[in-house]
Protein backbone atom coordinates (compact mmCIF):
# COMPACT_ATOMS: atom_id res chain seq x y z
CA UNK A 1 0.00 0.00 0.00
CA UNK A 2 1.11 3.51 -0.70
CA UNK A 3 1.46 6.05 2.07
CA UNK A 4 -1.47 8.02 0.63
CA UNK A 5 -3.78 5.03 1.02
CA UNK A 6 -2.61 4.45 4.57
CA UNK A 7 -3.33 8.09 5.42
CA UNK A 8 -6.83 7.80 3.95
CA UNK A 9 -7.61 4.60 5.86
CA UNK A 10 -6.19 6.03 9.07
CA UNK A 11 -8.23 9.21 8.86
CA UNK A 12 -11.31 7.23 7.86
CA UNK A 13 -11.04 5.20 11.06
CA UNK A 14 -10.18 8.28 13.12
CA UNK A 15 -13.18 10.12 11.69
CA UNK A 16 -15.48 7.23 12.54
CA UNK A 17 -14.16 6.99 16.09
CA UNK A 18 -14.42 10.73 16.70
CA UNK A 19 -17.91 10.80 15.18
CA UNK A 20 -19.00 8.33 17.83
CA UNK A 21 -17.13 10.29 20.51
CA UNK A 22 -18.76 13.56 19.39
CA UNK A 23 -22.16 11.92 19.58
CA UNK A 24 -21.35 10.76 23.11
CA UNK A 25 -20.29 14.28 24.17
CA UNK A 26 -23.41 15.78 22.63
CA UNK A 27 -25.75 13.33 24.37
CA UNK A 28 -24.04 13.40 27.77
CA UNK A 29 -23.15 17.07 28.17
CA UNK A 30 -25.55 18.68 25.72
CA UNK A 31 -22.70 21.01 24.81
CA UNK A 32 -21.54 21.31 21.22
CA UNK A 33 -18.19 22.87 22.12
CA UNK A 34 -16.57 19.56 23.03
CA UNK A 35 -18.21 17.80 20.11
CA UNK A 36 -16.73 20.30 17.65
CA UNK A 37 -13.37 21.28 19.13
CA UNK A 38 -12.02 17.91 20.27
CA UNK A 39 -12.11 16.28 16.80
CA UNK A 40 -10.32 19.24 15.22
CA UNK A 41 -7.65 19.20 17.93
CA UNK A 42 -7.17 15.44 17.56
CA UNK A 43 -6.80 15.86 13.79
CA UNK A 44 -4.12 18.53 14.19
CA UNK A 45 -2.23 16.56 16.83
CA UNK A 46 -2.34 13.37 14.75
CA UNK A 47 -1.18 15.14 11.61
CA UNK A 48 2.02 16.59 13.08
CA UNK A 49 3.96 13.32 13.57
CA UNK A 50 2.59 11.73 10.39
CA UNK A 51 3.93 14.50 8.17
CA UNK A 52 7.45 13.29 8.92
CA UNK A 53 6.82 10.28 6.67
CA UNK A 54 5.78 12.35 3.65
CA UNK A 55 8.00 14.15 1.18
CA UNK A 56 7.74 17.92 1.28
CA UNK A 57 6.12 18.06 -2.18
CA UNK A 58 3.14 15.97 -1.06
CA UNK A 59 2.47 17.68 2.28
CA UNK A 60 -0.16 20.11 0.99
CA UNK A 61 -1.91 17.35 -0.93
CA UNK A 62 -1.92 15.05 2.11
CA UNK A 63 -3.22 17.79 4.40
CA UNK A 64 -6.06 18.69 2.03
CA UNK A 65 -7.13 15.12 1.32
CA UNK A 66 -6.78 13.83 4.86
CA UNK A 67 -8.75 16.79 6.20
CA UNK A 68 -11.52 16.26 3.65
CA UNK A 69 -11.70 12.54 4.43
CA UNK A 70 -11.65 13.13 8.16
CA UNK A 71 -14.28 15.91 8.20
CA UNK A 72 -16.69 14.15 5.85
CA UNK A 73 -16.57 10.82 7.66
CA UNK A 74 -16.75 12.49 11.06
CA UNK A 75 -19.81 14.53 10.08
CA UNK A 76 -21.60 11.61 8.45
CA UNK A 77 -21.10 9.35 11.48
CA UNK A 78 -22.04 12.10 13.91
CA UNK A 79 -25.21 13.07 12.01
CA UNK A 80 -26.31 9.46 11.56
CA UNK A 81 -25.82 8.68 15.25
CA UNK A 82 -27.44 11.94 16.31
CA UNK A 83 -30.56 11.19 14.29
CA UNK A 84 -31.08 7.79 15.94
PDB file of N, CA and C in Angstrom:
ATOM      1  N   UNK A   1       0.831  -1.193   0.000  1.00  0.00           N
ATOM      2  CA  UNK A   1       0.000   0.000   0.000  1.00  0.00           C
ATOM      3  C   UNK A   1       0.865   1.241   0.000  1.00  0.00           C
ATOM      4  N   UNK A   2       0.396   2.240  -0.679  1.00  0.00           N
ATOM      5  CA  UNK A   2       1.106   3.505  -0.700  1.00  0.00           C
ATOM      6  C   UNK A   2       0.800   4.289   0.574  1.00  0.00           C
ATOM      7  N   UNK A   3       1.638   5.229   0.873  1.00  0.00           N
ATOM      8  CA  UNK A   3       1.461   6.047   2.070  1.00  0.00           C
ATOM      9  C   UNK A   3       0.170   6.857   2.005  1.00  0.00           C
ATOM     10  N   UNK A   4      -0.231   7.259   0.793  1.00  0.00           N
ATOM     11  CA  UNK A   4      -1.473   8.019   0.630  1.00  0.00           C
ATOM     12  C   UNK A   4      -2.686   7.183   1.038  1.00  0.00           C
ATOM     13  N   UNK A   5      -2.677   5.925   0.666  1.00  0.00           N
ATOM     14  CA  UNK A   5      -3.776   5.033   1.019  1.00  0.00           C
ATOM     15  C   UNK A   5      -3.820   4.774   2.518  1.00  0.00           C
ATOM     16  N   UNK A   6      -2.658   4.650   3.124  1.00  0.00           N
ATOM     17  CA  UNK A   6      -2.611   4.455   4.574  1.00  0.00           C
ATOM     18  C   UNK A   6      -3.140   5.675   5.317  1.00  0.00           C
ATOM     19  N   UNK A   7      -2.808   6.856   4.825  1.00  0.00           N
ATOM     20  CA  UNK A   7      -3.335   8.087   5.421  1.00  0.00           C
ATOM     21  C   UNK A   7      -4.853   8.120   5.315  1.00  0.00           C
ATOM     22  N   UNK A   8      -5.379   7.768   4.149  1.00  0.00           N
ATOM     23  CA  UNK A   8      -6.829   7.801   3.945  1.00  0.00           C
ATOM     24  C   UNK A   8      -7.534   6.806   4.865  1.00  0.00           C
ATOM     25  N   UNK A   9      -7.004   5.609   4.987  1.00  0.00           N
ATOM     26  CA  UNK A   9      -7.614   4.602   5.861  1.00  0.00           C
ATOM     27  C   UNK A   9      -7.510   5.028   7.316  1.00  0.00           C
ATOM     28  N   UNK A  10      -6.375   5.571   7.689  1.00  0.00           N
ATOM     29  CA  UNK A  10      -6.190   6.034   9.067  1.00  0.00           C
ATOM     30  C   UNK A  10      -7.159   7.139   9.432  1.00  0.00           C
ATOM     31  N   UNK A  11      -7.322   8.110   8.564  1.00  0.00           N
ATOM     32  CA  UNK A  11      -8.232   9.207   8.864  1.00  0.00           C
ATOM     33  C   UNK A  11      -9.693   8.810   8.700  1.00  0.00           C
ATOM     34  N   UNK A  12      -9.964   7.786   7.922  1.00  0.00           N
ATOM     35  CA  UNK A  12     -11.313   7.231   7.857  1.00  0.00           C
ATOM     36  C   UNK A  12     -11.679   6.634   9.211  1.00  0.00           C
ATOM     37  N   UNK A  13     -10.787   5.823   9.757  1.00  0.00           N
ATOM     38  CA  UNK A  13     -11.041   5.203  11.061  1.00  0.00           C
ATOM     39  C   UNK A  13     -11.079   6.246  12.179  1.00  0.00           C
ATOM     40  N   UNK A  14     -10.187   7.212  12.115  1.00  0.00           N
ATOM     41  CA  UNK A  14     -10.183   8.277  13.119  1.00  0.00           C
ATOM     42  C   UNK A  14     -11.461   9.100  13.047  1.00  0.00           C
ATOM     43  N   UNK A  15     -11.929   9.382  11.848  1.00  0.00           N
ATOM     44  CA  UNK A  15     -13.182  10.124  11.687  1.00  0.00           C
ATOM     45  C   UNK A  15     -14.371   9.360  12.227  1.00  0.00           C
ATOM     46  N   UNK A  16     -14.389   8.044  12.008  1.00  0.00           N
ATOM     47  CA  UNK A  16     -15.481   7.230  12.539  1.00  0.00           C
ATOM     48  C   UNK A  16     -15.454   7.218  14.065  1.00  0.00           C
ATOM     49  N   UNK A  17     -14.287   7.017  14.632  1.00  0.00           N
ATOM     50  CA  UNK A  17     -14.159   6.994  16.091  1.00  0.00           C
ATOM     51  C   UNK A  17     -14.561   8.325  16.711  1.00  0.00           C
ATOM     52  N   UNK A  18     -14.097   9.418  16.139  1.00  0.00           N
ATOM     53  CA  UNK A  18     -14.417  10.729  16.701  1.00  0.00           C
ATOM     54  C   UNK A  18     -15.855  11.138  16.420  1.00  0.00           C
ATOM     55  N   UNK A  19     -16.478  10.584  15.393  1.00  0.00           N
ATOM     56  CA  UNK A  19     -17.910  10.804  15.179  1.00  0.00           C
ATOM     57  C   UNK A  19     -18.728  10.184  16.302  1.00  0.00           C
ATOM     58  N   UNK A  20     -18.338   8.986  16.698  1.00  0.00           N
ATOM     59  CA  UNK A  20     -18.999   8.326  17.828  1.00  0.00           C
ATOM     60  C   UNK A  20     -18.728   9.089  19.118  1.00  0.00           C
ATOM     61  N   UNK A  21     -17.496   9.527  19.310  1.00  0.00           N
ATOM     62  CA  UNK A  21     -17.135  10.289  20.509  1.00  0.00           C
ATOM     63  C   UNK A  21     -17.872  11.624  20.560  1.00  0.00           C
ATOM     64  N   UNK A  22     -18.013  12.293  19.436  1.00  0.00           N
ATOM     65  CA  UNK A  22     -18.759  13.559  19.391  1.00  0.00           C
ATOM     66  C   UNK A  22     -20.224  13.337  19.737  1.00  0.00           C
ATOM     67  N   UNK A  23     -20.780  12.248  19.246  1.00  0.00           N
ATOM     68  CA  UNK A  23     -22.158  11.919  19.584  1.00  0.00           C
ATOM     69  C   UNK A  23     -22.297  11.686  21.087  1.00  0.00           C
ATOM     70  N   UNK A  24     -21.341  11.003  21.670  1.00  0.00           N
ATOM     71  CA  UNK A  24     -21.346  10.761  23.107  1.00  0.00           C
ATOM     72  C   UNK A  24     -21.295  12.078  23.885  1.00  0.00           C
ATOM     73  N   UNK A  25     -20.389  12.982  23.491  1.00  0.00           N
ATOM     74  CA  UNK A  25     -20.291  14.280  24.168  1.00  0.00           C
ATOM     75  C   UNK A  25     -21.569  15.091  24.015  1.00  0.00           C
ATOM     76  N   UNK A  26     -22.179  15.026  22.865  1.00  0.00           N
ATOM     77  CA  UNK A  26     -23.412  15.779  22.631  1.00  0.00           C
ATOM     78  C   UNK A  26     -24.545  15.245  23.500  1.00  0.00           C
ATOM     79  N   UNK A  27     -24.654  13.927  23.587  1.00  0.00           N
ATOM     80  CA  UNK A  27     -25.747  13.334  24.367  1.00  0.00           C
ATOM     81  C   UNK A  27     -25.532  13.498  25.870  1.00  0.00           C
ATOM     82  N   UNK A  28     -24.314  13.344  26.339  1.00  0.00           N
ATOM     83  CA  UNK A  28     -24.036  13.396  27.770  1.00  0.00           C
ATOM     84  C   UNK A  28     -24.038  14.829  28.299  1.00  0.00           C
ATOM     85  N   UNK A  29     -23.289  15.712  27.660  1.00  0.00           N
ATOM     86  CA  UNK A  29     -23.154  17.074  28.174  1.00  0.00           C
ATOM     87  C   UNK A  29     -24.164  18.041  27.574  1.00  0.00           C
ATOM     88  N   UNK A  30     -24.648  17.755  26.394  1.00  0.00           N
ATOM     89  CA  UNK A  30     -25.547  18.682  25.716  1.00  0.00           C
ATOM     90  C   UNK A  30     -24.826  19.930  25.225  1.00  0.00           C
ATOM     91  N   UNK A  31     -23.519  19.874  25.203  1.00  0.00           N
ATOM     92  CA  UNK A  31     -22.699  21.007  24.815  1.00  0.00           C
ATOM     93  C   UNK A  31     -21.993  20.690  23.501  1.00  0.00           C
ATOM     94  N   UNK A  32     -22.159  21.544  22.524  1.00  0.00           N
ATOM     95  CA  UNK A  32     -21.538  21.312  21.221  1.00  0.00           C
ATOM     96  C   UNK A  32     -20.065  21.703  21.161  1.00  0.00           C
ATOM     97  N   UNK A  33     -19.574  22.406  22.153  1.00  0.00           N
ATOM     98  CA  UNK A  33     -18.186  22.870  22.124  1.00  0.00           C
ATOM     99  C   UNK A  33     -17.234  21.681  22.102  1.00  0.00           C
ATOM    100  N   UNK A  34     -17.442  20.727  23.011  1.00  0.00           N
ATOM    101  CA  UNK A  34     -16.567  19.555  23.033  1.00  0.00           C
ATOM    102  C   UNK A  34     -16.728  18.722  21.773  1.00  0.00           C
ATOM    103  N   UNK A  35     -17.935  18.614  21.287  1.00  0.00           N
ATOM    104  CA  UNK A  35     -18.206  17.796  20.110  1.00  0.00           C
ATOM    105  C   UNK A  35     -17.570  18.376  18.853  1.00  0.00           C
ATOM    106  N   UNK A  36     -17.325  19.669  18.827  1.00  0.00           N
ATOM    107  CA  UNK A  36     -16.730  20.303  17.648  1.00  0.00           C
ATOM    108  C   UNK A  36     -15.233  20.544  17.782  1.00  0.00           C
ATOM    109  N   UNK A  37     -14.781  20.904  18.967  1.00  0.00           N
ATOM    110  CA  UNK A  37     -13.373  21.282  19.134  1.00  0.00           C
ATOM    111  C   UNK A  37     -12.461  20.075  19.290  1.00  0.00           C
ATOM    112  N   UNK A  38     -12.885  19.071  20.026  1.00  0.00           N
ATOM    113  CA  UNK A  38     -12.021  17.914  20.274  1.00  0.00           C
ATOM    114  C   UNK A  38     -11.628  17.194  18.983  1.00  0.00           C
ATOM    115  N   UNK A  39     -12.549  16.931  18.043  1.00  0.00           N
ATOM    116  CA  UNK A  39     -12.109  16.275  16.797  1.00  0.00           C
ATOM    117  C   UNK A  39     -11.099  17.098  15.988  1.00  0.00           C
ATOM    118  N   UNK A  40     -11.271  18.399  15.963  1.00  0.00           N
ATOM    119  CA  UNK A  40     -10.320  19.236  15.223  1.00  0.00           C
ATOM    120  C   UNK A  40      -8.946  19.203  15.893  1.00  0.00           C
ATOM    121  N   UNK A  41      -8.919  19.263  17.208  1.00  0.00           N
ATOM    122  CA  UNK A  41      -7.646  19.197  17.929  1.00  0.00           C
ATOM    123  C   UNK A  41      -6.963  17.839  17.742  1.00  0.00           C
ATOM    124  N   UNK A  42      -7.735  16.773  17.777  1.00  0.00           N
ATOM    125  CA  UNK A  42      -7.166  15.436  17.564  1.00  0.00           C
ATOM    126  C   UNK A  42      -6.611  15.322  16.146  1.00  0.00           C
ATOM    127  N   UNK A  43      -7.304  15.882  15.171  1.00  0.00           N
ATOM    128  CA  UNK A  43      -6.799  15.856  13.788  1.00  0.00           C
ATOM    129  C   UNK A  43      -5.453  16.573  13.695  1.00  0.00           C
ATOM    130  N   UNK A  44      -5.363  17.750  14.266  1.00  0.00           N
ATOM    131  CA  UNK A  44      -4.120  18.528  14.190  1.00  0.00           C
ATOM    132  C   UNK A  44      -2.983  17.806  14.896  1.00  0.00           C
ATOM    133  N   UNK A  45      -3.262  17.271  16.075  1.00  0.00           N
ATOM    134  CA  UNK A  45      -2.227  16.561  16.828  1.00  0.00           C
ATOM    135  C   UNK A  45      -1.786  15.297  16.098  1.00  0.00           C
ATOM    136  N   UNK A  46      -2.706  14.596  15.465  1.00  0.00           N
ATOM    137  CA  UNK A  46      -2.338  13.372  14.748  1.00  0.00           C
ATOM    138  C   UNK A  46      -1.596  13.661  13.454  1.00  0.00           C
ATOM    139  N   UNK A  47      -1.816  14.808  12.877  1.00  0.00           N
ATOM    140  CA  UNK A  47      -1.178  15.139  11.607  1.00  0.00           C
ATOM    141  C   UNK A  47       0.293  15.508  11.773  1.00  0.00           C
ATOM    142  N   UNK A  48       0.646  16.105  12.880  1.00  0.00           N
ATOM    143  CA  UNK A  48       2.017  16.590  13.077  1.00  0.00           C
ATOM    144  C   UNK A  48       3.058  15.470  12.975  1.00  0.00           C
ATOM    145  N   UNK A  49       2.930  14.362  13.721  1.00  0.00           N
ATOM    146  CA  UNK A  49       3.965  13.322  13.567  1.00  0.00           C
ATOM    147  C   UNK A  49       3.895  12.563  12.247  1.00  0.00           C
ATOM    148  N   UNK A  50       2.719  12.479  11.648  1.00  0.00           N
ATOM    149  CA  UNK A  50       2.592  11.728  10.394  1.00  0.00           C
ATOM    150  C   UNK A  50       3.210  12.454   9.205  1.00  0.00           C
ATOM    151  N   UNK A  51       3.334  13.754   9.283  1.00  0.00           N
ATOM    152  CA  UNK A  51       3.931  14.502   8.168  1.00  0.00           C
ATOM    153  C   UNK A  51       5.429  14.244   8.025  1.00  0.00           C
ATOM    154  N   UNK A  52       6.031  13.625   9.019  1.00  0.00           N
ATOM    155  CA  UNK A  52       7.448  13.288   8.920  1.00  0.00           C
ATOM    156  C   UNK A  52       7.700  12.180   7.898  1.00  0.00           C
ATOM    157  N   UNK A  53       6.677  11.385   7.602  1.00  0.00           N
ATOM    158  CA  UNK A  53       6.818  10.276   6.674  1.00  0.00           C
ATOM    159  C   UNK A  53       6.581  10.680   5.222  1.00  0.00           C
ATOM    160  N   UNK A  54       6.169  11.907   4.982  1.00  0.00           N
ATOM    161  CA  UNK A  54       5.780  12.350   3.651  1.00  0.00           C
ATOM    162  C   UNK A  54       6.830  13.314   3.112  1.00  0.00           C
ATOM    163  N   UNK A  55       7.084  13.207   1.825  1.00  0.00           N
ATOM    164  CA  UNK A  55       7.999  14.150   1.180  1.00  0.00           C
ATOM    165  C   UNK A  55       7.395  15.545   1.208  1.00  0.00           C
ATOM    166  N   UNK A  56       8.223  16.540   1.148  1.00  0.00           N
ATOM    167  CA  UNK A  56       7.741  17.922   1.277  1.00  0.00           C
ATOM    168  C   UNK A  56       6.826  18.333   0.125  1.00  0.00           C
ATOM    169  N   UNK A  57       6.972  17.722  -1.045  1.00  0.00           N
ATOM    170  CA  UNK A  57       6.122  18.064  -2.185  1.00  0.00           C
ATOM    171  C   UNK A  57       4.679  17.611  -1.983  1.00  0.00           C
ATOM    172  N   UNK A  58       4.476  16.534  -1.223  1.00  0.00           N
ATOM    173  CA  UNK A  58       3.139  15.974  -1.055  1.00  0.00           C
ATOM    174  C   UNK A  58       2.438  16.460   0.211  1.00  0.00           C
ATOM    175  N   UNK A  59       3.063  17.270   0.998  1.00  0.00           N
ATOM    176  CA  UNK A  59       2.473  17.677   2.275  1.00  0.00           C
ATOM    177  C   UNK A  59       1.155  18.417   2.107  1.00  0.00           C
ATOM    178  N   UNK A  60       1.086  19.364   1.196  1.00  0.00           N
ATOM    179  CA  UNK A  60      -0.159  20.105   0.987  1.00  0.00           C
ATOM    180  C   UNK A  60      -1.267  19.186   0.495  1.00  0.00           C
ATOM    181  N   UNK A  61      -0.921  18.279  -0.408  1.00  0.00           N
ATOM    182  CA  UNK A  61      -1.910  17.349  -0.932  1.00  0.00           C
ATOM    183  C   UNK A  61      -2.428  16.430   0.169  1.00  0.00           C
ATOM    184  N   UNK A  62      -1.530  15.927   1.007  1.00  0.00           N
ATOM    185  CA  UNK A  62      -1.921  15.046   2.109  1.00  0.00           C
ATOM    186  C   UNK A  62      -2.788  15.790   3.109  1.00  0.00           C
ATOM    187  N   UNK A  63      -2.430  17.011   3.433  1.00  0.00           N
ATOM    188  CA  UNK A  63      -3.221  17.786   4.398  1.00  0.00           C
ATOM    189  C   UNK A  63      -4.628  18.029   3.863  1.00  0.00           C
ATOM    190  N   UNK A  64      -4.739  18.420   2.613  1.00  0.00           N
ATOM    191  CA  UNK A  64      -6.064  18.688   2.035  1.00  0.00           C
ATOM    192  C   UNK A  64      -6.915  17.423   1.979  1.00  0.00           C
ATOM    193  N   UNK A  65      -6.349  16.344   1.479  1.00  0.00           N
ATOM    194  CA  UNK A  65      -7.128  15.115   1.322  1.00  0.00           C
ATOM    195  C   UNK A  65      -7.443  14.445   2.650  1.00  0.00           C
ATOM    196  N   UNK A  66      -6.504  14.453   3.570  1.00  0.00           N
ATOM    197  CA  UNK A  66      -6.783  13.826   4.860  1.00  0.00           C
ATOM    198  C   UNK A  66      -7.814  14.640   5.635  1.00  0.00           C
ATOM    199  N   UNK A  67      -7.763  15.958   5.521  1.00  0.00           N
ATOM    200  CA  UNK A  67      -8.748  16.793   6.196  1.00  0.00           C
ATOM    201  C   UNK A  67     -10.137  16.577   5.611  1.00  0.00           C
ATOM    202  N   UNK A  68     -10.216  16.491   4.291  1.00  0.00           N
ATOM    203  CA  UNK A  68     -11.520  16.259   3.646  1.00  0.00           C
ATOM    204  C   UNK A  68     -12.080  14.896   4.038  1.00  0.00           C
ATOM    205  N   UNK A  69     -11.247  13.876   4.026  1.00  0.00           N
ATOM    206  CA  UNK A  69     -11.698  12.542   4.427  1.00  0.00           C
ATOM    207  C   UNK A  69     -12.155  12.536   5.868  1.00  0.00           C
ATOM    208  N   UNK A  70     -11.345  13.113   6.732  1.00  0.00           N
ATOM    209  CA  UNK A  70     -11.651  13.132   8.158  1.00  0.00           C
ATOM    210  C   UNK A  70     -12.955  13.879   8.448  1.00  0.00           C
ATOM    211  N   UNK A  71     -13.100  15.087   7.920  1.00  0.00           N
ATOM    212  CA  UNK A  71     -14.281  15.906   8.202  1.00  0.00           C
ATOM    213  C   UNK A  71     -15.544  15.258   7.651  1.00  0.00           C
ATOM    214  N   UNK A  72     -15.493  14.760   6.436  1.00  0.00           N
ATOM    215  CA  UNK A  72     -16.689  14.154   5.847  1.00  0.00           C
ATOM    216  C   UNK A  72     -17.136  12.904   6.605  1.00  0.00           C
ATOM    217  N   UNK A  73     -16.211  12.034   6.930  1.00  0.00           N
ATOM    218  CA  UNK A  73     -16.566  10.820   7.659  1.00  0.00           C
ATOM    219  C   UNK A  73     -17.039  11.165   9.061  1.00  0.00           C
ATOM    220  N   UNK A  74     -16.361  12.077   9.716  1.00  0.00           N
ATOM    221  CA  UNK A  74     -16.745  12.491  11.065  1.00  0.00           C
ATOM    222  C   UNK A  74     -18.167  13.062  11.082  1.00  0.00           C
ATOM    223  N   UNK A  75     -18.476  13.942  10.132  1.00  0.00           N
ATOM    224  CA  UNK A  75     -19.814  14.531  10.083  1.00  0.00           C
ATOM    225  C   UNK A  75     -20.898  13.507   9.749  1.00  0.00           C
ATOM    226  N   UNK A  76     -20.615  12.621   8.816  1.00  0.00           N
ATOM    227  CA  UNK A  76     -21.601  11.606   8.447  1.00  0.00           C
ATOM    228  C   UNK A  76     -21.913  10.702   9.643  1.00  0.00           C
ATOM    229  N   UNK A  77     -20.883  10.229  10.321  1.00  0.00           N
ATOM    230  CA  UNK A  77     -21.104   9.353  11.475  1.00  0.00           C
ATOM    231  C   UNK A  77     -21.830  10.096  12.578  1.00  0.00           C
ATOM    232  N   UNK A  78     -21.426  11.319  12.847  1.00  0.00           N
ATOM    233  CA  UNK A  78     -22.042  12.104  13.913  1.00  0.00           C
ATOM    234  C   UNK A  78     -23.516  12.391  13.612  1.00  0.00           C
ATOM    235  N   UNK A  79     -23.818  12.762  12.392  1.00  0.00           N
ATOM    236  CA  UNK A  79     -25.209  13.071  12.006  1.00  0.00           C
ATOM    237  C   UNK A  79     -26.067  11.806  12.038  1.00  0.00           C
ATOM    238  N   UNK A  80     -25.536  10.700  11.531  1.00  0.00           N
ATOM    239  CA  UNK A  80     -26.308   9.456  11.561  1.00  0.00           C
ATOM    240  C   UNK A  80     -26.582   8.995  12.991  1.00  0.00           C
ATOM    241  N   UNK A  81     -25.614   9.078  13.857  1.00  0.00           N
ATOM    242  CA  UNK A  81     -25.817   8.682  15.251  1.00  0.00           C
ATOM    243  C   UNK A  81     -26.707   9.660  15.997  1.00  0.00           C
ATOM    244  N   UNK A  82     -26.627  10.920  15.638  1.00  0.00           N
ATOM    245  CA  UNK A  82     -27.436  11.941  16.308  1.00  0.00           C
ATOM    246  C   UNK A  82     -28.904  11.822  15.918  1.00  0.00           C
ATOM    247  N   UNK A  83     -29.183  11.294  14.747  1.00  0.00           N
ATOM    248  CA  UNK A  83     -30.560  11.186  14.290  1.00  0.00           C
ATOM    249  C   UNK A  83     -31.262   9.934  14.822  1.00  0.00           C
ATOM    250  N   UNK A  84     -30.496   9.029  15.403  1.00  0.00           N
ATOM    251  CA  UNK A  84     -31.079   7.793  15.940  1.00  0.00           C
ATOM    252  C   UNK A  84     -31.737   8.061  17.273  1.00  0.00           C
TER     253      UNK A  84
END
